[in-house]
Amino acid sequence: MPATENGNVTLNISVEGIATISFYHPAQNSLPAALLDELTTTIVQAGSDIQTRVIILKSEGDRTFCAGASFEELLQIKDKEAGAIFFSGFARVINACRTSPKIVIARVQGKAVGGGVGLAAGADYCLATEAAAIKLSELAIGIGPFVISPAVVRKIGLPGFSQLTIRATDFQSAQWAKEKGLYNEVYADIASMDEALDGLAQKLASYHPEALTGLKQILWEGTEDWDKLLHERAATSGELVLSEFTQQALHAFLGGKR
């Protein structure tokens, strides 16, 4: 896949009906607004395609699944409205996974940070490798994981979310994520994970589509208010990102990376 400046999203639907959505960004698969919008559109497209039986959500590369929000883009936000719009991108991706009539399987091959944890939590089932440690670093830069918190809490519970959030600078292991319920299966390496993923996707693609849709509805019972809730949370994050504390923290982080 070409290393374009803005990243990209691809969709491939196999003859068996396995829709593989892959996203890429050169900055550790971080997600700027344009990529978030493209990801949402692609998830909706795959879910509405009559050929699709199951969806796999993955990223390119072998080191980082997703580094979360684009810090460079966060520094460009100059008002509350723009901030709310940016963070609503994560809300739309999670809601697209939630409302898709097809089962969504996340493939997490490496570290997941911030919004990347939200993507994993937004899937119905999640396979990962031992290298797929997770971190919610938002507090360290003056904001919080407000948009993704309903999805994360739904998977790992409030105690796990509290630990993950308060320990904002610490990675938790893939095994920790499995024990808490974010990951359903953890494998030693990418090859063994992909073998298991292929087998699972093939099985799901062979099941009755209406049964899978019915299961999907059961899995997400009680989340009907998320269209409103997640966008309200986005407004909160969009306001906090304008603070002097957060702006300085973002500059310091990016300066340290150069």
C-alpha atoms as a PDB file:
ATOM      1  CA  MET A   1       0.000   0.000   0.000  1.00  0.00           C
ATOM      2  CA  PRO A   2       1.475   3.405  -0.963  1.00  0.00           C
ATOM      3  CA  ALA A   3       2.682   5.683   1.852  1.00  0.00           C
ATOM      4  CA  THR A   4       0.475   8.667   1.052  1.00  0.00           C
ATOM      5  CA  GLU A   5       0.564  11.727   3.280  1.00  0.00           C
ATOM      6  CA  ASN A   6      -3.109  11.544   4.210  1.00  0.00           C
ATOM      7  CA  GLY A   7      -3.414   7.780   4.476  1.00  0.00           C
ATOM      8  CA  ASN A   8      -6.167   5.715   2.941  1.00  0.00           C
ATOM      9  CA  VAL A   9      -8.893   3.154   3.474  1.00  0.00           C
ATOM     10  CA  THR A  10      -9.451   0.118   1.274  1.00  0.00           C
ATOM     11  CA  LEU A  11     -12.329  -2.352   0.989  1.00  0.00           C
ATOM     12  CA  ASN A  12     -12.167  -5.830  -0.476  1.00  0.00           C
ATOM     13  CA  ILE A  13     -15.108  -8.251  -0.487  1.00  0.00           C
ATOM     14  CA  SER A  14     -14.202 -11.876  -1.172  1.00  0.00           C
ATOM     15  CA  VAL A  15     -16.376 -14.333  -3.051  1.00  0.00           C
ATOM     16  CA  GLU A  16     -17.318 -15.829   0.330  1.00  0.00           C
ATOM     17  CA  GLY A  17     -18.663 -12.467   1.468  1.00  0.00           C
ATOM     18  CA  ILE A  18     -15.799 -11.516   3.794  1.00  0.00           C
ATOM     19  CA  ALA A  19     -15.441  -7.729   3.618  1.00  0.00           C
ATOM     20  CA  THR A  20     -11.959  -6.633   4.688  1.00  0.00           C
ATOM     21  CA  ILE A  21     -11.621  -2.945   5.548  1.00  0.00           C
ATOM     22  CA  SER A  22      -8.027  -1.791   5.960  1.00  0.00           C
ATOM     23  CA  PHE A  23      -6.843   1.660   6.969  1.00  0.00           C
ATOM     24  CA  TYR A  24      -3.380   3.173   6.803  1.00  0.00           C
ATOM     25  CA  HIS A  25      -1.666   6.374   7.869  1.00  0.00           C
ATOM     26  CA  PRO A  26       2.108   6.922   7.833  1.00  0.00           C
ATOM     27  CA  ALA A  27       2.024   8.341  11.391  1.00  0.00           C
ATOM     28  CA  GLN A  28       1.491   5.005  13.156  1.00  0.00           C
ATOM     29  CA  ASN A  29      -1.972   4.593  11.663  1.00  0.00           C
ATOM     30  CA  SER A  30      -3.241   7.689  13.429  1.00  0.00           C
ATOM     31  CA  LEU A  31      -6.628   9.010  12.384  1.00  0.00           C
ATOM     32  CA  PRO A  32      -7.084  12.545  11.030  1.00  0.00           C
ATOM     33  CA  ALA A  33     -10.612  13.748  10.304  1.00  0.00           C
ATOM     34  CA  ALA A  34     -10.568  12.851   6.608  1.00  0.00           C
ATOM     35  CA  LEU A  35      -9.514   9.275   7.365  1.00  0.00           C
ATOM     36  CA  LEU A  36     -12.177   8.953  10.062  1.00  0.00           C
ATOM     37  CA  ASP A  37     -14.827  10.063   7.584  1.00  0.00           C
ATOM     38  CA  GLU A  38     -13.561   7.633   4.956  1.00  0.00           C
ATOM     39  CA  LEU A  39     -13.507   4.806   7.483  1.00  0.00           C
ATOM     40  CA  THR A  40     -17.106   5.516   8.509  1.00  0.00           C
ATOM     41  CA  THR A  41     -18.264   5.622   4.892  1.00  0.00           C
ATOM     42  CA  THR A  42     -16.494   2.347   4.104  1.00  0.00           C
ATOM     43  CA  ILE A  43     -17.950   0.526   7.128  1.00  0.00           C
ATOM     44  CA  VAL A  44     -21.449   1.652   6.148  1.00  0.00           C
ATOM     45  CA  GLN A  45     -20.816   0.669   2.525  1.00  0.00           C
ATOM     46  CA  ALA A  46     -19.585  -2.809   3.468  1.00  0.00           C
ATOM     47  CA  GLY A  47     -22.457  -3.363   5.866  1.00  0.00           C
ATOM     48  CA  SER A  48     -25.083  -2.418   3.304  1.00  0.00           C
ATOM     49  CA  ASP A  49     -23.584  -4.515   0.494  1.00  0.00           C
ATOM     50  CA  ILE A  50     -25.767  -7.573  -0.080  1.00  0.00           C
ATOM     51  CA  GLN A  51     -22.644  -9.635  -0.795  1.00  0.00           C
ATOM     52  CA  THR A  52     -21.131  -8.963   2.645  1.00  0.00           C
ATOM     53  CA  ARG A  53     -21.544 -11.658   5.294  1.00  0.00           C
ATOM     54  CA  VAL A  54     -18.946 -10.491   7.835  1.00  0.00           C
ATOM     55  CA  ILE A  55     -16.603  -7.498   8.179  1.00  0.00           C
ATOM     56  CA  ILE A  56     -12.940  -7.535   9.193  1.00  0.00           C
ATOM     57  CA  LEU A  57     -11.518  -4.217  10.410  1.00  0.00           C
ATOM     58  CA  LYS A  58      -7.728  -3.998  10.277  1.00  0.00           C
ATOM     59  CA  SER A  59      -4.825  -1.627   9.741  1.00  0.00           C
ATOM     60  CA  GLU A  60      -1.659  -1.946   7.691  1.00  0.00           C
ATOM     61  CA  GLY A  61       1.823  -2.642   9.024  1.00  0.00           C
ATOM     62  CA  ASP A  62       2.999  -4.887  11.816  1.00  0.00           C
ATOM     63  CA  ARG A  63       3.817  -2.534  14.693  1.00  0.00           C
ATOM     64  CA  THR A  64       0.882  -0.270  15.570  1.00  0.00           C
ATOM     65  CA  PHE A  65      -2.801  -1.003  15.081  1.00  0.00           C
ATOM     66  CA  CYS A  66      -3.818   2.613  15.635  1.00  0.00           C
ATOM     67  CA  ALA A  67      -2.212   5.561  17.441  1.00  0.00           C
ATOM     68  CA  GLY A  68      -5.553   7.328  17.861  1.00  0.00           C
ATOM     69  CA  ALA A  69      -6.235  10.955  17.021  1.00  0.00           C
ATOM     70  CA  SER A  70      -3.822  12.901  14.845  1.00  0.00           C
ATOM     71  CA  PHE A  71      -1.986  15.253  17.224  1.00  0.00           C
ATOM     72  CA  GLU A  72      -0.952  17.483  14.338  1.00  0.00           C
ATOM     73  CA  GLU A  73      -4.592  17.968  13.446  1.00  0.00           C
ATOM     74  CA  LEU A  74      -5.569  18.572  17.071  1.00  0.00           C
ATOM     75  CA  LEU A  75      -3.207  21.561  17.117  1.00  0.00           C
ATOM     76  CA  GLN A  76      -5.042  23.042  14.141  1.00  0.00           C
ATOM     77  CA  ILE A  77      -8.374  23.200  15.988  1.00  0.00           C
ATOM     78  CA  LYS A  78      -9.148  26.830  16.793  1.00  0.00           C
ATOM     79  CA  ASP A  79     -12.745  26.820  18.079  1.00  0.00           C
ATOM     80  CA  LYS A  80     -15.227  24.582  19.906  1.00  0.00           C
ATOM     81  CA  GLU A  81     -17.219  23.821  16.771  1.00  0.00           C
ATOM     82  CA  ALA A  82     -14.176  22.554  14.905  1.00  0.00           C
ATOM     83  CA  GLY A  83     -13.183  20.511  17.944  1.00  0.00           C
ATOM     84  CA  ALA A  84     -16.607  18.914  18.194  1.00  0.00           C
ATOM     85  CA  ILE A  85     -16.543  18.079  14.487  1.00  0.00           C
ATOM     86  CA  PHE A  86     -13.141  16.415  14.759  1.00  0.00           C
ATOM     87  CA  PHE A  87     -14.007  14.219  17.739  1.00  0.00           C
ATOM     88  CA  SER A  88     -17.379  13.387  16.203  1.00  0.00           C
ATOM     89  CA  GLY A  89     -15.361  11.477  13.618  1.00  0.00           C
ATOM     90  CA  PHE A  90     -14.619   8.845  16.252  1.00  0.00           C
ATOM     91  CA  ALA A  91     -18.267   8.845  17.282  1.00  0.00           C
ATOM     92  CA  ARG A  92     -19.342   8.140  13.717  1.00  0.00           C
ATOM     93  CA  VAL A  93     -16.873   5.264  13.278  1.00  0.00           C
ATOM     94  CA  ILE A  94     -17.984   3.564  16.505  1.00  0.00           C
ATOM     95  CA  ASN A  95     -21.654   4.080  15.664  1.00  0.00           C
ATOM     96  CA  ALA A  96     -21.072   2.727  12.152  1.00  0.00           C
ATOM     97  CA  CYS A  97     -19.678  -0.483  13.683  1.00  0.00           C
ATOM     98  CA  ARG A  98     -22.511  -0.581  16.221  1.00  0.00           C
ATOM     99  CA  THR A  99     -25.336  -0.126  13.730  1.00  0.00           C
ATOM    100  CA  SER A 100     -23.872  -2.242  10.940  1.00  0.00           C
ATOM    101  CA  PRO A 101     -26.121  -5.247  10.283  1.00  0.00           C
ATOM    102  CA  LYS A 102     -22.980  -7.373   9.852  1.00  0.00           C
ATOM    103  CA  ILE A 103     -20.680  -8.762  12.530  1.00  0.00           C
ATOM    104  CA  VAL A 104     -17.466  -6.720  12.749  1.00  0.00           C
ATOM    105  CA  ILE A 105     -14.233  -8.479  13.732  1.00  0.00           C
ATOM    106  CA  ALA A 106     -11.249  -6.312  14.695  1.00  0.00           C
ATOM    107  CA  ARG A 107      -7.727  -7.522  13.894  1.00  0.00           C
ATOM    108  CA  VAL A 108      -5.273  -5.840  16.269  1.00  0.00           C
ATOM    109  CA  GLN A 109      -1.722  -6.697  15.258  1.00  0.00           C
ATOM    110  CA  GLY A 110       0.092  -4.108  17.395  1.00  0.00           C
ATOM    111  CA  LYS A 111      -0.301  -1.348  19.942  1.00  0.00           C
ATOM    112  CA  ALA A 112      -3.590   0.512  20.240  1.00  0.00           C
ATOM    113  CA  VAL A 113      -3.666   3.979  21.800  1.00  0.00           C
ATOM    114  CA  GLY A 114      -6.602   6.278  22.560  1.00  0.00           C
ATOM    115  CA  GLY A 115      -9.044   6.126  19.677  1.00  0.00           C
ATOM    116  CA  GLY A 116      -7.393   2.899  18.557  1.00  0.00           C
ATOM    117  CA  VAL A 117      -8.695   1.271  21.736  1.00  0.00           C
ATOM    118  CA  GLY A 118     -12.088   2.704  20.842  1.00  0.00           C
ATOM    119  CA  LEU A 119     -11.971   1.028  17.427  1.00  0.00           C
ATOM    120  CA  ALA A 120     -11.229  -2.337  19.029  1.00  0.00           C
ATOM    121  CA  ALA A 121     -14.042  -1.798  21.531  1.00  0.00           C
ATOM    122  CA  GLY A 122     -16.446  -0.846  18.746  1.00  0.00           C
ATOM    123  CA  ALA A 123     -16.068  -4.244  17.081  1.00  0.00           C
ATOM    124  CA  ASP A 124     -18.219  -7.241  17.960  1.00  0.00           C
ATOM    125  CA  TYR A 125     -15.245  -9.577  18.326  1.00  0.00           C
ATOM    126  CA  CYS A 126     -11.533  -8.922  18.538  1.00  0.00           C
ATOM    127  CA  LEU A 127      -8.419 -10.940  17.742  1.00  0.00           C
ATOM    128  CA  ALA A 128      -5.003  -9.614  18.758  1.00  0.00           C
ATOM    129  CA  THR A 129      -1.349 -10.520  19.100  1.00  0.00           C
ATOM    130  CA  GLU A 130       0.822 -10.488  22.204  1.00  0.00           C
ATOM    131  CA  ALA A 131       2.271  -7.206  20.897  1.00  0.00           C
ATOM    132  CA  ALA A 132      -1.122  -5.479  21.017  1.00  0.00           C
ATOM    133  CA  ALA A 133      -0.699  -3.545  24.260  1.00  0.00           C
ATOM    134  CA  ILE A 134      -3.216  -0.766  24.910  1.00  0.00           C
ATOM    135  CA  LYS A 135      -3.145   2.693  26.446  1.00  0.00           C
ATOM    136  CA  LEU A 136      -5.611   5.532  26.982  1.00  0.00           C
ATOM    137  CA  SER A 137      -3.251   8.510  27.077  1.00  0.00           C
ATOM    138  CA  GLU A 138      -5.829  11.297  26.846  1.00  0.00           C
ATOM    139  CA  LEU A 139      -5.490  12.568  30.429  1.00  0.00           C
ATOM    140  CA  ALA A 140      -1.777  13.100  29.868  1.00  0.00           C
ATOM    141  CA  ILE A 141      -2.523  15.716  27.206  1.00  0.00           C
ATOM    142  CA  GLY A 142      -5.354  17.408  29.057  1.00  0.00           C
ATOM    143  CA  ILE A 143      -8.403  15.737  27.547  1.00  0.00           C
ATOM    144  CA  GLY A 144     -10.206  12.481  28.276  1.00  0.00           C
ATOM    145  CA  PRO A 145     -11.419   9.418  26.360  1.00  0.00           C
ATOM    146  CA  PHE A 146     -14.962  10.736  26.497  1.00  0.00           C
ATOM    147  CA  VAL A 147     -16.176   9.723  23.032  1.00  0.00           C
ATOM    148  CA  ILE A 148     -14.894   6.170  23.179  1.00  0.00           C
ATOM    149  CA  SER A 149     -15.647   5.584  26.877  1.00  0.00           C
ATOM    150  CA  PRO A 150     -19.112   4.023  26.389  1.00  0.00           C
ATOM    151  CA  ALA A 151     -17.659   1.451  23.984  1.00  0.00           C
ATOM    152  CA  VAL A 152     -14.636   0.721  26.178  1.00  0.00           C
ATOM    153  CA  VAL A 153     -16.641   0.484  29.406  1.00  0.00           C
ATOM    154  CA  ARG A 154     -19.091  -1.841  27.663  1.00  0.00           C
ATOM    155  CA  LYS A 155     -16.215  -4.250  27.001  1.00  0.00           C
ATOM    156  CA  ILE A 156     -13.941  -4.000  30.065  1.00  0.00           C
ATOM    157  CA  GLY A 157     -16.220  -2.568  32.746  1.00  0.00           C
ATOM    158  CA  LEU A 158     -15.793   0.558  34.828  1.00  0.00           C
ATOM    159  CA  PRO A 159     -12.934  -0.757  37.035  1.00  0.00           C
ATOM    160  CA  GLY A 160     -10.846  -1.684  33.985  1.00  0.00           C
ATOM    161  CA  PHE A 161     -11.653   1.615  32.311  1.00  0.00           C
ATOM    162  CA  SER A 162     -10.679   3.496  35.467  1.00  0.00           C
ATOM    163  CA  GLN A 163      -7.301   1.781  35.595  1.00  0.00           C
ATOM    164  CA  LEU A 164      -6.677   2.298  31.897  1.00  0.00           C
ATOM    165  CA  THR A 165      -7.618   5.976  32.064  1.00  0.00           C
ATOM    166  CA  ILE A 166      -5.929   6.947  35.329  1.00  0.00           C
ATOM    167  CA  ARG A 167      -2.739   5.119  34.349  1.00  0.00           C
ATOM    168  CA  ALA A 168      -2.670   7.321  31.261  1.00  0.00           C
ATOM    169  CA  THR A 169       1.047   6.962  30.540  1.00  0.00           C
ATOM    170  CA  ASP A 170       1.206   3.197  31.041  1.00  0.00           C
ATOM    171  CA  PHE A 171       0.568   0.468  28.514  1.00  0.00           C
ATOM    172  CA  GLN A 172      -1.464  -2.530  29.629  1.00  0.00           C
ATOM    173  CA  SER A 173      -0.578  -5.845  28.026  1.00  0.00           C
ATOM    174  CA  ALA A 174      -2.609  -7.730  25.457  1.00  0.00           C
ATOM    175  CA  GLN A 175      -3.231 -10.420  28.061  1.00  0.00           C
ATOM    176  CA  TRP A 176      -4.602  -7.756  30.418  1.00  0.00           C
ATOM    177  CA  ALA A 177      -6.920  -6.615  27.630  1.00  0.00           C
ATOM    178  CA  LYS A 178      -8.069 -10.207  27.091  1.00  0.00           C
ATOM    179  CA  GLU A 179      -8.684 -10.784  30.775  1.00  0.00           C
ATOM    180  CA  LYS A 180     -10.773  -7.617  30.944  1.00  0.00           C
ATOM    181  CA  GLY A 181     -12.791  -8.523  27.842  1.00  0.00           C
ATOM    182  CA  LEU A 182     -11.527  -6.143  25.165  1.00  0.00           C
ATOM    183  CA  TYR A 183      -9.752  -8.897  23.245  1.00  0.00           C
ATOM    184  CA  ASN A 184     -11.497 -12.225  22.753  1.00  0.00           C
ATOM    185  CA  GLU A 185      -8.418 -14.105  21.538  1.00  0.00           C
ATOM    186  CA  VAL A 186      -4.694 -13.353  21.769  1.00  0.00           C
ATOM    187  CA  TYR A 187      -2.025 -15.053  19.636  1.00  0.00           C
ATOM    188  CA  ALA A 188       1.764 -15.238  19.794  1.00  0.00           C
ATOM    189  CA  ASP A 189       2.293 -13.615  16.411  1.00  0.00           C
ATOM    190  CA  ILE A 190       0.566 -12.151  13.366  1.00  0.00           C
ATOM    191  CA  ALA A 191       0.736 -15.361  11.343  1.00  0.00           C
ATOM    192  CA  SER A 192      -1.115 -17.447  13.924  1.00  0.00           C
ATOM    193  CA  MET A 193      -3.635 -14.640  14.496  1.00  0.00           C
ATOM    194  CA  ASP A 194      -4.355 -14.352  10.781  1.00  0.00           C
ATOM    195  CA  GLU A 195      -4.800 -18.105  10.467  1.00  0.00           C
ATOM    196  CA  ALA A 196      -7.370 -18.052  13.261  1.00  0.00           C
ATOM    197  CA  LEU A 197      -9.009 -14.941  11.842  1.00  0.00           C
ATOM    198  CA  ASP A 198      -9.405 -16.506   8.429  1.00  0.00           C
ATOM    199  CA  GLY A 199     -10.982 -19.611   9.919  1.00  0.00           C
ATOM    200  CA  LEU A 200     -13.389 -17.595  12.040  1.00  0.00           C
ATOM    201  CA  ALA A 201     -14.398 -15.320   9.169  1.00  0.00           C
ATOM    202  CA  GLN A 202     -15.001 -18.318   6.893  1.00  0.00           C
ATOM    203  CA  LYS A 203     -17.253 -19.926   9.504  1.00  0.00           C
ATOM    204  CA  LEU A 204     -19.243 -16.751  10.094  1.00  0.00           C
ATOM    205  CA  ALA A 205     -19.646 -16.212   6.356  1.00  0.00           C
ATOM    206  CA  SER A 206     -21.265 -19.664   6.122  1.00  0.00           C
ATOM    207  CA  TYR A 207     -23.891 -18.952   8.794  1.00  0.00           C
ATOM    208  CA  HIS A 208     -27.445 -17.767   8.156  1.00  0.00           C
ATOM    209  CA  PRO A 209     -27.234 -13.995   7.473  1.00  0.00           C
ATOM    210  CA  GLU A 210     -30.481 -13.236   9.313  1.00  0.00           C
ATOM    211  CA  ALA A 211     -29.269 -15.151  12.368  1.00  0.00           C
ATOM    212  CA  LEU A 212     -26.087 -13.088  12.406  1.00  0.00           C
ATOM    213  CA  THR A 213     -28.083  -9.858  12.089  1.00  0.00           C
ATOM    214  CA  GLY A 214     -30.307 -10.956  14.964  1.00  0.00           C
ATOM    215  CA  LEU A 215     -27.251 -11.727  17.084  1.00  0.00           C
ATOM    216  CA  LYS A 216     -25.815  -8.317  16.248  1.00  0.00           C
ATOM    217  CA  GLN A 217     -28.940  -6.628  17.562  1.00  0.00           C
ATOM    218  CA  ILE A 218     -28.726  -8.575  20.818  1.00  0.00           C
ATOM    219  CA  LEU A 219     -25.048  -7.739  21.284  1.00  0.00           C
ATOM    220  CA  TRP A 220     -25.780  -4.010  21.135  1.00  0.00           C
ATOM    221  CA  GLU A 221     -29.012  -3.864  23.129  1.00  0.00           C
ATOM    222  CA  GLY A 222     -29.157  -0.803  25.356  1.00  0.00           C
ATOM    223  CA  THR A 223     -26.946   1.395  23.176  1.00  0.00           C
ATOM    224  CA  GLU A 224     -29.715   3.038  21.192  1.00  0.00           C
ATOM    225  CA  ASP A 225     -28.871   6.467  22.637  1.00  0.00           C
ATOM    226  CA  TRP A 226     -25.270   6.420  21.402  1.00  0.00           C
ATOM    227  CA  ASP A 227     -25.964   8.535  18.311  1.00  0.00           C
ATOM    228  CA  LYS A 228     -26.696  11.425  20.654  1.00  0.00           C
ATOM    229  CA  LEU A 229     -24.433  10.443  23.566  1.00  0.00           C
ATOM    230  CA  LEU A 230     -21.190  10.071  21.622  1.00  0.00           C
ATOM    231  CA  HIS A 231     -21.669  13.377  19.817  1.00  0.00           C
ATOM    232  CA  GLU A 232     -22.290  15.113  23.155  1.00  0.00           C
ATOM    233  CA  ARG A 233     -19.035  13.606  24.414  1.00  0.00           C
ATOM    234  CA  ALA A 234     -17.303  14.862  21.255  1.00  0.00           C
ATOM    235  CA  ALA A 235     -18.334  18.412  22.123  1.00  0.00           C
ATOM    236  CA  THR A 236     -16.722  18.037  25.555  1.00  0.00           C
ATOM    237  CA  SER A 237     -13.448  16.851  24.037  1.00  0.00           C
ATOM    238  CA  GLY A 238     -13.622  19.574  21.410  1.00  0.00           C
ATOM    239  CA  GLU A 239     -13.741  22.232  24.106  1.00  0.00           C
ATOM    240  CA  LEU A 240     -10.954  20.776  26.236  1.00  0.00           C
ATOM    241  CA  VAL A 241      -8.544  20.534  23.316  1.00  0.00           C
ATOM    242  CA  LEU A 242      -8.531  24.335  23.109  1.00  0.00           C
ATOM    243  CA  SER A 243      -7.132  24.725  26.615  1.00  0.00           C
ATOM    244  CA  GLU A 244      -3.634  26.115  27.113  1.00  0.00           C
ATOM    245  CA  PHE A 245      -2.695  22.964  29.035  1.00  0.00           C
ATOM    246  CA  THR A 246      -3.608  20.703  26.145  1.00  0.00           C
ATOM    247  CA  GLN A 247      -2.023  22.880  23.487  1.00  0.00           C
ATOM    248  CA  GLN A 248       1.261  22.955  25.411  1.00  0.00           C
ATOM    249  CA  ALA A 249       1.116  19.201  26.029  1.00  0.00           C
ATOM    250  CA  LEU A 250       0.563  18.536  22.323  1.00  0.00           C
ATOM    251  CA  HIS A 251       3.467  20.790  21.345  1.00  0.00           C
ATOM    252  CA  ALA A 252       5.720  19.092  23.910  1.00  0.00           C
ATOM    253  CA  PHE A 253       4.754  15.641  22.658  1.00  0.00           C
ATOM    254  CA  LEU A 254       5.321  16.476  19.014  1.00  0.00           C
ATOM    255  CA  GLY A 255       8.558  18.283  19.841  1.00  0.00           C
ATOM    256  CA  GLY A 256       9.825  15.212  21.624  1.00  0.00           C
ATOM    257  CA  LYS A 257       9.028  13.081  18.593  1.00  0.00           C
ATOM    258  CA  ARG A 258      11.040  15.221  16.197  1.00  0.00           C
END
